[in-house]
Amino acid sequence: MMTDPIADMLTRLRNAAQAGHRWADMPVSRLKVEVARILKESHFIFDYKLLDDGRHGVLRVYLKYYEGQPVIRHLRRVSKPGLRQYVGAQEIPRIRNGLGMAILSTSQGVLSDRDAREAGVGGEVLAEIW
């Protein structure tokens, strides 16, 4: 039984990027699809697709590389099931002085740190990436 599916997703992406794979497959959920959407909009991944495996479905994330190196250099889970990390709209962290990104789960859905600042909402910090 998996206790933290978001950490599992991030670990699969991190491992696939370090190994030089073109894509990473993982079980699908709405939250994972939203995280993949934000990663695509921020140009950290090439694309993502939902595949039917006859059971629950598979989320396939196509990784992006630049000059043979993965675009994703660092991927870390911030809020964990044992210790949730919530921030207000004023305390949203700036990752690598704006070069990185934080992913937040807010009352208006899953947003990047920039979108959450623009909307003026805080929430749970799911992950940071650069």
C-alpha atoms as a PDB file:
ATOM      1  CA  MET A   1       0.000   0.000   0.000  1.00  0.00           C
ATOM      2  CA  MET A   2       1.339   3.405  -0.992  1.00  0.00           C
ATOM      3  CA  THR A   3       1.057   6.112   1.658  1.00  0.00           C
ATOM      4  CA  ASP A   4       2.313   9.073  -0.404  1.00  0.00           C
ATOM      5  CA  PRO A   5       1.459   8.886  -4.123  1.00  0.00           C
ATOM      6  CA  ILE A   6       2.868  12.356  -4.899  1.00  0.00           C
ATOM      7  CA  ALA A   7       6.267  11.414  -3.432  1.00  0.00           C
ATOM      8  CA  ASP A   8       6.128   8.231  -5.522  1.00  0.00           C
ATOM      9  CA  MET A   9       5.439  10.296  -8.662  1.00  0.00           C
ATOM     10  CA  LEU A  10       8.319  12.670  -7.954  1.00  0.00           C
ATOM     11  CA  THR A  11      10.682   9.767  -7.246  1.00  0.00           C
ATOM     12  CA  ARG A  12       9.728   8.061 -10.510  1.00  0.00           C
ATOM     13  CA  LEU A  13      10.372  11.293 -12.436  1.00  0.00           C
ATOM     14  CA  ARG A  14      13.682  11.895 -10.648  1.00  0.00           C
ATOM     15  CA  ASN A  15      14.900   8.324 -11.240  1.00  0.00           C
ATOM     16  CA  ALA A  16      13.831   8.285 -14.902  1.00  0.00           C
ATOM     17  CA  ALA A  17      15.572  11.609 -15.565  1.00  0.00           C
ATOM     18  CA  GLN A  18      18.796  10.451 -13.897  1.00  0.00           C
ATOM     19  CA  ALA A  19      18.710   7.206 -15.889  1.00  0.00           C
ATOM     20  CA  GLY A  20      18.138   9.079 -19.169  1.00  0.00           C
ATOM     21  CA  HIS A  21      14.745   7.528 -19.947  1.00  0.00           C
ATOM     22  CA  ARG A  22      12.420   9.197 -22.425  1.00  0.00           C
ATOM     23  CA  TRP A  23       9.335   8.776 -20.225  1.00  0.00           C
ATOM     24  CA  ALA A  24       8.138   7.613 -16.812  1.00  0.00           C
ATOM     25  CA  ASP A  25       4.934   5.639 -16.170  1.00  0.00           C
ATOM     26  CA  MET A  26       2.934   5.790 -12.947  1.00  0.00           C
ATOM     27  CA  PRO A  27      -0.582   5.059 -11.675  1.00  0.00           C
ATOM     28  CA  VAL A  28      -2.955   7.876 -12.553  1.00  0.00           C
ATOM     29  CA  SER A  29      -4.849  10.220 -10.208  1.00  0.00           C
ATOM     30  CA  ARG A  30      -6.377  13.655 -10.704  1.00  0.00           C
ATOM     31  CA  LEU A  31      -3.770  15.290  -8.454  1.00  0.00           C
ATOM     32  CA  LYS A  32      -0.891  13.711 -10.407  1.00  0.00           C
ATOM     33  CA  VAL A  33      -2.425  14.880 -13.697  1.00  0.00           C
ATOM     34  CA  GLU A  34      -2.631  18.433 -12.321  1.00  0.00           C
ATOM     35  CA  VAL A  35       1.009  18.305 -11.176  1.00  0.00           C
ATOM     36  CA  ALA A  36       2.017  17.051 -14.648  1.00  0.00           C
ATOM     37  CA  ARG A  37      -0.010  19.872 -16.253  1.00  0.00           C
ATOM     38  CA  ILE A  38       1.857  22.471 -14.199  1.00  0.00           C
ATOM     39  CA  LEU A  39       5.220  20.885 -15.036  1.00  0.00           C
ATOM     40  CA  LYS A  40       4.331  21.018 -18.745  1.00  0.00           C
ATOM     41  CA  GLU A  41       3.136  24.632 -18.591  1.00  0.00           C
ATOM     42  CA  SER A  42       6.404  25.574 -16.877  1.00  0.00           C
ATOM     43  CA  HIS A  43       8.448  23.680 -19.519  1.00  0.00           C
ATOM     44  CA  PHE A  44       9.996  21.191 -17.078  1.00  0.00           C
ATOM     45  CA  ILE A  45       8.588  18.217 -19.017  1.00  0.00           C
ATOM     46  CA  PHE A  46       7.877  17.692 -22.703  1.00  0.00           C
ATOM     47  CA  ASP A  47       4.348  16.249 -22.442  1.00  0.00           C
ATOM     48  CA  TYR A  48       2.098  13.814 -20.568  1.00  0.00           C
ATOM     49  CA  LYS A  49      -0.590  11.343 -21.641  1.00  0.00           C
ATOM     50  CA  LEU A  50      -3.226   9.210 -19.976  1.00  0.00           C
ATOM     51  CA  LEU A  51      -3.047   5.587 -21.110  1.00  0.00           C
ATOM     52  CA  ASP A  52      -5.646   2.857 -20.570  1.00  0.00           C
ATOM     53  CA  ASP A  53      -4.161  -0.329 -19.113  1.00  0.00           C
ATOM     54  CA  GLY A  54      -7.513  -2.060 -18.576  1.00  0.00           C
ATOM     55  CA  ARG A  55      -7.524  -1.302 -14.842  1.00  0.00           C
ATOM     56  CA  HIS A  56      -7.109   2.162 -13.337  1.00  0.00           C
ATOM     57  CA  GLY A  57      -5.031   3.815 -16.033  1.00  0.00           C
ATOM     58  CA  VAL A  58      -1.455   4.984 -16.403  1.00  0.00           C
ATOM     59  CA  LEU A  59      -0.014   8.479 -16.491  1.00  0.00           C
ATOM     60  CA  ARG A  60       2.960   8.650 -18.875  1.00  0.00           C
ATOM     61  CA  VAL A  61       5.187  11.700 -18.462  1.00  0.00           C
ATOM     62  CA  TYR A  62       7.606  12.455 -21.298  1.00  0.00           C
ATOM     63  CA  LEU A  63      10.807  13.955 -19.923  1.00  0.00           C
ATOM     64  CA  LYS A  64      12.638  16.916 -21.391  1.00  0.00           C
ATOM     65  CA  TYR A  65      16.389  17.118 -21.948  1.00  0.00           C
ATOM     66  CA  TYR A  66      18.697  19.981 -22.925  1.00  0.00           C
ATOM     67  CA  GLU A  67      22.132  19.176 -24.371  1.00  0.00           C
ATOM     68  CA  GLY A  68      21.890  15.627 -23.037  1.00  0.00           C
ATOM     69  CA  GLN A  69      21.108  16.716 -19.457  1.00  0.00           C
ATOM     70  CA  PRO A  70      17.632  16.491 -17.881  1.00  0.00           C
ATOM     71  CA  VAL A  71      15.810  19.812 -17.513  1.00  0.00           C
ATOM     72  CA  ILE A  72      14.678  18.691 -14.047  1.00  0.00           C
ATOM     73  CA  ARG A  73      17.773  19.105 -11.877  1.00  0.00           C
ATOM     74  CA  HIS A  74      16.080  18.909  -8.478  1.00  0.00           C
ATOM     75  CA  LEU A  75      12.669  17.610  -7.429  1.00  0.00           C
ATOM     76  CA  ARG A  76      11.698  17.472  -3.746  1.00  0.00           C
ATOM     77  CA  ARG A  77       8.513  16.717  -1.820  1.00  0.00           C
ATOM     78  CA  VAL A  78       7.922  19.460   0.768  1.00  0.00           C
ATOM     79  CA  SER A  79       4.651  18.633   2.508  1.00  0.00           C
ATOM     80  CA  LYS A  80       4.521  15.027   3.659  1.00  0.00           C
ATOM     81  CA  PRO A  81       1.684  12.956   5.147  1.00  0.00           C
ATOM     82  CA  GLY A  82       3.358  13.079   8.573  1.00  0.00           C
ATOM     83  CA  LEU A  83       4.089  16.815   8.441  1.00  0.00           C
ATOM     84  CA  ARG A  84       1.973  19.024   6.216  1.00  0.00           C
ATOM     85  CA  GLN A  85       3.468  22.379   5.190  1.00  0.00           C
ATOM     86  CA  TYR A  86       0.929  25.164   4.702  1.00  0.00           C
ATOM     87  CA  VAL A  87       1.755  28.744   3.716  1.00  0.00           C
ATOM     88  CA  GLY A  88      -0.260  31.916   3.396  1.00  0.00           C
ATOM     89  CA  ALA A  89      -0.314  34.015   0.245  1.00  0.00           C
ATOM     90  CA  GLN A  90       2.455  36.243   1.644  1.00  0.00           C
ATOM     91  CA  GLU A  91       4.764  33.358   2.650  1.00  0.00           C
ATOM     92  CA  ILE A  92       4.885  31.433  -0.659  1.00  0.00           C
ATOM     93  CA  PRO A  93       8.537  30.437  -1.081  1.00  0.00           C
ATOM     94  CA  ARG A  94      10.673  31.673  -3.988  1.00  0.00           C
ATOM     95  CA  ILE A  95      12.686  28.733  -5.272  1.00  0.00           C
ATOM     96  CA  ARG A  96      16.170  29.610  -6.585  1.00  0.00           C
ATOM     97  CA  ASN A  97      15.194  33.294  -6.716  1.00  0.00           C
ATOM     98  CA  GLY A  98      12.447  32.625  -9.266  1.00  0.00           C
ATOM     99  CA  LEU A  99      14.352  30.172 -11.482  1.00  0.00           C
ATOM    100  CA  GLY A 100      12.702  27.222  -9.756  1.00  0.00           C
ATOM    101  CA  MET A 101       9.087  26.636  -8.897  1.00  0.00           C
ATOM    102  CA  ALA A 102       6.946  25.509  -5.992  1.00  0.00           C
ATOM    103  CA  ILE A 103       3.728  23.558  -6.620  1.00  0.00           C
ATOM    104  CA  LEU A 104       0.863  24.356  -4.254  1.00  0.00           C
ATOM    105  CA  SER A 105      -2.501  22.777  -3.600  1.00  0.00           C
ATOM    106  CA  THR A 106      -4.848  25.707  -2.990  1.00  0.00           C
ATOM    107  CA  SER A 107      -8.563  26.318  -2.664  1.00  0.00           C
ATOM    108  CA  GLN A 108      -8.512  27.273  -6.367  1.00  0.00           C
ATOM    109  CA  GLY A 109      -6.845  24.019  -7.429  1.00  0.00           C
ATOM    110  CA  VAL A 110      -3.227  22.991  -7.934  1.00  0.00           C
ATOM    111  CA  LEU A 111      -1.170  26.076  -8.861  1.00  0.00           C
ATOM    112  CA  SER A 112       2.426  27.064  -9.422  1.00  0.00           C
ATOM    113  CA  ASP A 113       3.932  29.547  -6.962  1.00  0.00           C
ATOM    114  CA  ARG A 114       3.621  32.407  -9.477  1.00  0.00           C
ATOM    115  CA  ASP A 115      -0.044  31.694 -10.180  1.00  0.00           C
ATOM    116  CA  ALA A 116      -0.804  31.421  -6.454  1.00  0.00           C
ATOM    117  CA  ARG A 117       0.877  34.782  -5.780  1.00  0.00           C
ATOM    118  CA  GLU A 118      -1.116  36.396  -8.608  1.00  0.00           C
ATOM    119  CA  ALA A 119      -4.369  34.901  -7.282  1.00  0.00           C
ATOM    120  CA  GLY A 120      -3.463  35.917  -3.719  1.00  0.00           C
ATOM    121  CA  VAL A 121      -4.052  32.456  -2.247  1.00  0.00           C
ATOM    122  CA  GLY A 122      -1.937  30.204  -0.086  1.00  0.00           C
ATOM    123  CA  GLY A 123      -2.169  26.494   0.516  1.00  0.00           C
ATOM    124  CA  GLU A 124      -0.200  23.295   0.965  1.00  0.00           C
ATOM    125  CA  VAL A 125       3.271  23.298  -0.613  1.00  0.00           C
ATOM    126  CA  LEU A 126       3.406  19.970  -2.446  1.00  0.00           C
ATOM    127  CA  ALA A 127       6.840  20.099  -4.075  1.00  0.00           C
ATOM    128  CA  GLU A 128       9.694  22.283  -5.243  1.00  0.00           C
ATOM    129  CA  ILE A 129      11.506  21.901  -8.536  1.00  0.00           C
ATOM    130  CA  TRP A 130      14.387  23.466 -10.411  1.00  0.00           C
END
